[in-house]
Amino acid sequence: MTAISLLDRLPRRDDEDGARIPEWTLGDRLRKSMDLAGMGVGEMAEAFGVSRETVSRWLGDRTRPKKSTLWMWAAGCGVDLQWLETGEASPEAVRLQSVRHQGLEPRTR
């Protein structure tokens, strides 16, 4: 199988210019946030008190976690809950990401 044929199998939509825009599933976002937090399937299973198989089903989009689980997942991984659920960042997350914290910058004169 070639890389091109693999791309054809990805869930996607086309923008106005016909360019491919991959659509990430909830399972994809769960995995990305888990990786960002440096956690593995076993660690997440232990943290939530579920089996590794349950976490694998969430990551593989075979089952959907409860809203309370998504809230704890987002908080534990340090990602925006709205992004985790929908793939779109909340206005608050976008605003916070664009603001530079001045307390960490050296003074300039």
N, C-alpha and C. Protein backbone atom coordinates (compact mmCIF):
# COMPACT_ATOMS: atom_id res chain seq x y z
N MET A 1 0.85 -1.17 0.00
CA MET A 1 0.00 0.00 0.00
C MET A 1 0.90 1.24 0.00
N THR A 2 0.60 2.18 -0.86
CA THR A 2 1.41 3.38 -0.96
C THR A 2 0.91 4.45 0.00
N ALA A 3 1.73 5.47 0.23
CA ALA A 3 1.34 6.57 1.11
C ALA A 3 0.12 7.30 0.55
N ILE A 4 0.05 7.42 -0.76
CA ILE A 4 -1.10 8.09 -1.38
C ILE A 4 -2.38 7.32 -1.11
N SER A 5 -2.35 6.01 -1.25
CA SER A 5 -3.56 5.23 -1.01
C SER A 5 -3.94 5.26 0.47
N LEU A 6 -2.97 5.38 1.38
CA LEU A 6 -3.29 5.53 2.79
C LEU A 6 -4.01 6.85 3.04
N LEU A 7 -3.56 7.92 2.39
CA LEU A 7 -4.21 9.22 2.54
C LEU A 7 -5.66 9.18 2.08
N ASP A 8 -5.93 8.41 1.04
CA ASP A 8 -7.29 8.31 0.53
C ASP A 8 -8.24 7.67 1.54
N ARG A 9 -7.69 6.92 2.48
CA ARG A 9 -8.53 6.22 3.45
C ARG A 9 -8.79 7.04 4.71
N LEU A 10 -8.09 8.18 4.89
CA LEU A 10 -8.29 9.01 6.07
C LEU A 10 -9.64 9.71 6.01
N PRO A 11 -10.31 9.83 7.19
CA PRO A 11 -11.53 10.64 7.19
C PRO A 11 -11.14 12.08 6.93
N ARG A 12 -11.84 12.75 6.04
CA ARG A 12 -11.44 14.10 5.68
C ARG A 12 -12.61 14.85 5.08
N ARG A 13 -12.39 16.14 4.95
CA ARG A 13 -13.29 16.98 4.17
C ARG A 13 -12.42 17.84 3.29
N ASP A 14 -12.99 18.42 2.27
CA ASP A 14 -12.24 19.29 1.37
C ASP A 14 -12.62 20.73 1.66
N ASP A 15 -11.62 21.63 1.63
CA ASP A 15 -11.94 23.04 1.77
C ASP A 15 -12.39 23.60 0.44
N GLU A 16 -12.59 24.91 0.38
CA GLU A 16 -13.10 25.53 -0.84
C GLU A 16 -12.19 25.31 -2.04
N ASP A 17 -10.89 25.20 -1.79
CA ASP A 17 -9.92 25.01 -2.87
C ASP A 17 -9.71 23.55 -3.22
N GLY A 18 -10.43 22.66 -2.56
CA GLY A 18 -10.28 21.24 -2.82
C GLY A 18 -9.13 20.60 -2.05
N ALA A 19 -8.48 21.36 -1.16
CA ALA A 19 -7.38 20.81 -0.37
C ALA A 19 -7.95 19.87 0.70
N ARG A 20 -7.21 18.84 1.01
CA ARG A 20 -7.65 17.87 2.01
C ARG A 20 -7.43 18.42 3.41
N ILE A 21 -8.44 18.28 4.24
CA ILE A 21 -8.35 18.67 5.64
C ILE A 21 -8.70 17.44 6.46
N PRO A 22 -7.72 16.82 7.12
CA PRO A 22 -8.04 15.62 7.90
C PRO A 22 -8.99 15.96 9.04
N GLU A 23 -9.91 15.08 9.32
CA GLU A 23 -10.81 15.24 10.45
C GLU A 23 -10.40 14.25 11.52
N TRP A 24 -10.04 14.76 12.69
CA TRP A 24 -9.62 13.90 13.78
C TRP A 24 -10.83 13.49 14.59
N THR A 25 -10.90 12.22 14.89
CA THR A 25 -12.00 11.68 15.68
C THR A 25 -11.75 11.95 17.16
N LEU A 26 -12.74 11.68 17.98
CA LEU A 26 -12.56 11.81 19.41
C LEU A 26 -11.40 10.93 19.87
N GLY A 27 -11.34 9.71 19.36
CA GLY A 27 -10.24 8.80 19.73
C GLY A 27 -8.89 9.38 19.37
N ASP A 28 -8.79 10.03 18.21
CA ASP A 28 -7.54 10.68 17.81
C ASP A 28 -7.15 11.77 18.80
N ARG A 29 -8.13 12.59 19.19
CA ARG A 29 -7.85 13.68 20.13
C ARG A 29 -7.51 13.15 21.52
N LEU A 30 -8.17 12.06 21.93
CA LEU A 30 -7.82 11.44 23.22
C LEU A 30 -6.36 10.99 23.19
N ARG A 31 -5.96 10.34 22.09
CA ARG A 31 -4.58 9.86 21.99
C ARG A 31 -3.59 11.02 21.95
N LYS A 32 -3.90 12.06 21.18
CA LYS A 32 -3.00 13.21 21.09
C LYS A 32 -2.83 13.87 22.46
N SER A 33 -3.91 14.02 23.19
CA SER A 33 -3.82 14.65 24.51
C SER A 33 -3.07 13.75 25.49
N MET A 34 -3.28 12.45 25.39
CA MET A 34 -2.57 11.50 26.24
C MET A 34 -1.07 11.55 25.96
N ASP A 35 -0.71 11.59 24.68
CA ASP A 35 0.70 11.69 24.29
C ASP A 35 1.31 13.00 24.79
N LEU A 36 0.56 14.09 24.66
CA LEU A 36 1.02 15.40 25.11
C LEU A 36 1.32 15.39 26.61
N ALA A 37 0.51 14.66 27.35
CA ALA A 37 0.70 14.57 28.80
C ALA A 37 1.76 13.54 29.18
N GLY A 38 2.27 12.80 28.20
CA GLY A 38 3.29 11.80 28.48
C GLY A 38 2.74 10.58 29.19
N MET A 39 1.48 10.27 28.95
CA MET A 39 0.83 9.14 29.60
C MET A 39 0.64 8.00 28.61
N GLY A 40 0.58 6.80 29.13
CA GLY A 40 0.32 5.62 28.31
C GLY A 40 -1.05 5.05 28.61
N VAL A 41 -1.45 4.06 27.84
CA VAL A 41 -2.76 3.43 28.01
C VAL A 41 -2.91 2.87 29.42
N GLY A 42 -1.89 2.18 29.91
CA GLY A 42 -1.95 1.60 31.25
C GLY A 42 -2.10 2.65 32.33
N GLU A 43 -1.38 3.76 32.18
CA GLU A 43 -1.46 4.84 33.17
C GLU A 43 -2.86 5.48 33.17
N MET A 44 -3.42 5.67 31.98
CA MET A 44 -4.76 6.26 31.90
C MET A 44 -5.79 5.29 32.48
N ALA A 45 -5.65 4.01 32.19
CA ALA A 45 -6.58 3.02 32.73
C ALA A 45 -6.54 3.04 34.25
N GLU A 46 -5.35 3.09 34.80
CA GLU A 46 -5.20 3.12 36.26
C GLU A 46 -5.80 4.40 36.84
N ALA A 47 -5.55 5.53 36.18
CA ALA A 47 -6.06 6.81 36.67
C ALA A 47 -7.59 6.85 36.69
N PHE A 48 -8.23 6.18 35.74
CA PHE A 48 -9.69 6.20 35.64
C PHE A 48 -10.34 4.98 36.28
N GLY A 49 -9.53 4.04 36.74
CA GLY A 49 -10.07 2.86 37.38
C GLY A 49 -10.81 1.95 36.42
N VAL A 50 -10.31 1.90 35.17
CA VAL A 50 -10.90 1.04 34.14
C VAL A 50 -9.82 0.14 33.58
N SER A 51 -10.22 -0.80 32.74
CA SER A 51 -9.24 -1.71 32.14
C SER A 51 -8.52 -1.02 30.97
N ARG A 52 -7.38 -1.57 30.63
CA ARG A 52 -6.66 -1.08 29.45
C ARG A 52 -7.53 -1.24 28.20
N GLU A 53 -8.32 -2.29 28.15
CA GLU A 53 -9.21 -2.53 27.01
C GLU A 53 -10.23 -1.41 26.87
N THR A 54 -10.74 -0.92 28.00
CA THR A 54 -11.71 0.18 27.95
C THR A 54 -11.07 1.43 27.35
N VAL A 55 -9.86 1.77 27.81
CA VAL A 55 -9.15 2.92 27.26
C VAL A 55 -8.87 2.70 25.77
N SER A 56 -8.49 1.49 25.40
CA SER A 56 -8.24 1.18 23.99
C SER A 56 -9.51 1.34 23.16
N ARG A 57 -10.66 0.98 23.71
CA ARG A 57 -11.92 1.16 22.99
C ARG A 57 -12.22 2.65 22.80
N TRP A 58 -11.91 3.47 23.81
CA TRP A 58 -12.09 4.92 23.66
C TRP A 58 -11.17 5.46 22.57
N LEU A 59 -9.91 5.04 22.61
CA LEU A 59 -8.93 5.53 21.63
C LEU A 59 -9.25 5.07 20.22
N GLY A 60 -9.86 3.90 20.10
CA GLY A 60 -10.21 3.35 18.79
C GLY A 60 -11.60 3.73 18.32
N ASP A 61 -12.26 4.63 19.05
CA ASP A 61 -13.61 5.10 18.69
C ASP A 61 -14.64 3.97 18.66
N ARG A 62 -14.40 2.93 19.44
CA ARG A 62 -15.38 1.84 19.50
C ARG A 62 -16.46 2.14 20.55
N THR A 63 -16.10 2.88 21.58
CA THR A 63 -17.07 3.36 22.57
C THR A 63 -16.70 4.80 22.91
N ARG A 64 -17.67 5.54 23.43
CA ARG A 64 -17.44 6.94 23.79
C ARG A 64 -17.44 7.06 25.31
N PRO A 65 -16.43 7.72 25.87
CA PRO A 65 -16.42 7.92 27.33
C PRO A 65 -17.55 8.85 27.76
N LYS A 66 -17.95 8.75 29.02
CA LYS A 66 -18.96 9.65 29.57
C LYS A 66 -18.41 11.07 29.61
N LYS A 67 -19.31 12.04 29.67
CA LYS A 67 -18.93 13.46 29.74
C LYS A 67 -18.00 13.71 30.93
N SER A 68 -18.30 13.11 32.06
CA SER A 68 -17.46 13.31 33.25
C SER A 68 -16.04 12.77 33.02
N THR A 69 -15.94 11.68 32.28
CA THR A 69 -14.63 11.11 31.96
C THR A 69 -13.87 12.05 31.04
N LEU A 70 -14.56 12.62 30.04
CA LEU A 70 -13.91 13.56 29.14
C LEU A 70 -13.42 14.79 29.90
N TRP A 71 -14.21 15.26 30.85
CA TRP A 71 -13.82 16.42 31.65
C TRP A 71 -12.54 16.12 32.43
N MET A 72 -12.50 14.95 33.09
CA MET A 72 -11.31 14.58 33.86
C MET A 72 -10.11 14.33 32.95
N TRP A 73 -10.35 13.76 31.77
CA TRP A 73 -9.27 13.49 30.81
C TRP A 73 -8.64 14.82 30.37
N ALA A 74 -9.51 15.77 30.01
CA ALA A 74 -9.02 17.09 29.56
C ALA A 74 -8.22 17.77 30.67
N ALA A 75 -8.76 17.75 31.88
CA ALA A 75 -8.08 18.38 33.00
C ALA A 75 -6.75 17.69 33.30
N GLY A 76 -6.76 16.38 33.28
CA GLY A 76 -5.54 15.62 33.58
C GLY A 76 -4.46 15.77 32.53
N CYS A 77 -4.87 15.94 31.28
CA CYS A 77 -3.90 16.07 30.19
C CYS A 77 -3.56 17.53 29.87
N GLY A 78 -4.30 18.45 30.47
CA GLY A 78 -4.02 19.87 30.25
C GLY A 78 -4.48 20.37 28.89
N VAL A 79 -5.59 19.83 28.38
CA VAL A 79 -6.12 20.29 27.09
C VAL A 79 -7.52 20.87 27.30
N ASP A 80 -7.97 21.65 26.34
CA ASP A 80 -9.27 22.28 26.38
C ASP A 80 -10.37 21.22 26.20
N LEU A 81 -11.37 21.23 27.09
CA LEU A 81 -12.45 20.25 27.02
C LEU A 81 -13.21 20.35 25.71
N GLN A 82 -13.51 21.57 25.28
CA GLN A 82 -14.27 21.72 24.03
C GLN A 82 -13.47 21.14 22.86
N TRP A 83 -12.15 21.38 22.83
CA TRP A 83 -11.33 20.80 21.76
C TRP A 83 -11.38 19.28 21.83
N LEU A 84 -11.28 18.74 23.03
CA LEU A 84 -11.29 17.29 23.17
C LEU A 84 -12.59 16.71 22.63
N GLU A 85 -13.71 17.35 22.95
CA GLU A 85 -15.02 16.85 22.52
C GLU A 85 -15.31 17.07 21.04
N THR A 86 -14.93 18.23 20.51
CA THR A 86 -15.38 18.62 19.18
C THR A 86 -14.27 18.83 18.15
N GLY A 87 -13.05 19.03 18.61
CA GLY A 87 -11.97 19.35 17.69
C GLY A 87 -11.81 20.84 17.46
N GLU A 88 -12.69 21.64 18.06
CA GLU A 88 -12.63 23.10 17.94
C GLU A 88 -12.30 23.67 19.32
N ALA A 89 -11.31 24.54 19.38
CA ALA A 89 -10.93 25.14 20.66
C ALA A 89 -11.99 26.13 21.10
N SER A 90 -12.19 26.21 22.41
CA SER A 90 -13.13 27.18 22.95
C SER A 90 -12.54 28.58 22.80
N PRO A 91 -13.40 29.61 22.73
CA PRO A 91 -12.89 30.98 22.64
C PRO A 91 -11.95 31.32 23.79
N GLU A 92 -12.24 30.81 24.98
CA GLU A 92 -11.39 31.07 26.14
C GLU A 92 -10.00 30.46 25.94
N ALA A 93 -9.93 29.25 25.41
CA ALA A 93 -8.63 28.60 25.19
C ALA A 93 -7.82 29.36 24.15
N VAL A 94 -8.50 29.84 23.11
CA VAL A 94 -7.81 30.61 22.07
C VAL A 94 -7.28 31.90 22.66
N ARG A 95 -8.10 32.58 23.47
CA ARG A 95 -7.67 33.83 24.10
C ARG A 95 -6.48 33.60 25.01
N LEU A 96 -6.54 32.57 25.83
CA LEU A 96 -5.44 32.30 26.76
C LEU A 96 -4.16 31.93 26.03
N GLN A 97 -4.28 31.24 24.91
CA GLN A 97 -3.10 30.83 24.17
C GLN A 97 -2.42 32.02 23.51
N SER A 98 -3.19 33.07 23.21
CA SER A 98 -2.62 34.22 22.52
C SER A 98 -2.04 35.25 23.48
N VAL A 99 -2.30 35.11 24.77
CA VAL A 99 -1.78 36.06 25.76
C VAL A 99 -0.45 35.55 26.28
N ARG A 100 0.56 36.40 26.22
CA ARG A 100 1.88 36.03 26.73
C ARG A 100 1.96 36.38 28.21
N HIS A 101 2.40 35.47 29.01
CA HIS A 101 2.56 35.71 30.44
C HIS A 101 3.81 36.55 30.65
N GLN A 102 3.63 37.76 31.18
CA GLN A 102 4.75 38.68 31.30
C GLN A 102 5.66 38.36 32.47
N GLY A 103 5.19 37.60 33.44
CA GLY A 103 6.00 37.29 34.60
C GLY A 103 7.21 36.42 34.29
N LEU A 104 7.22 35.76 33.18
CA LEU A 104 8.32 34.85 32.85
C LEU A 104 9.34 35.47 31.90
N GLU A 105 9.08 36.69 31.45
CA GLU A 105 9.98 37.31 30.48
C GLU A 105 10.99 38.20 31.20
N PRO A 106 12.24 38.23 30.72
CA PRO A 106 13.22 39.13 31.32
C PRO A 106 12.86 40.58 30.99
N ARG A 107 13.19 41.47 31.89
CA ARG A 107 12.93 42.89 31.65
C ARG A 107 13.84 43.41 30.54
N THR A 108 13.31 44.30 29.74
CA THR A 108 14.11 44.95 28.72
C THR A 108 14.03 46.45 28.91
N ARG A 109 15.08 47.14 28.52
CA ARG A 109 15.09 48.61 28.67
C ARG A 109 15.40 49.26 27.38
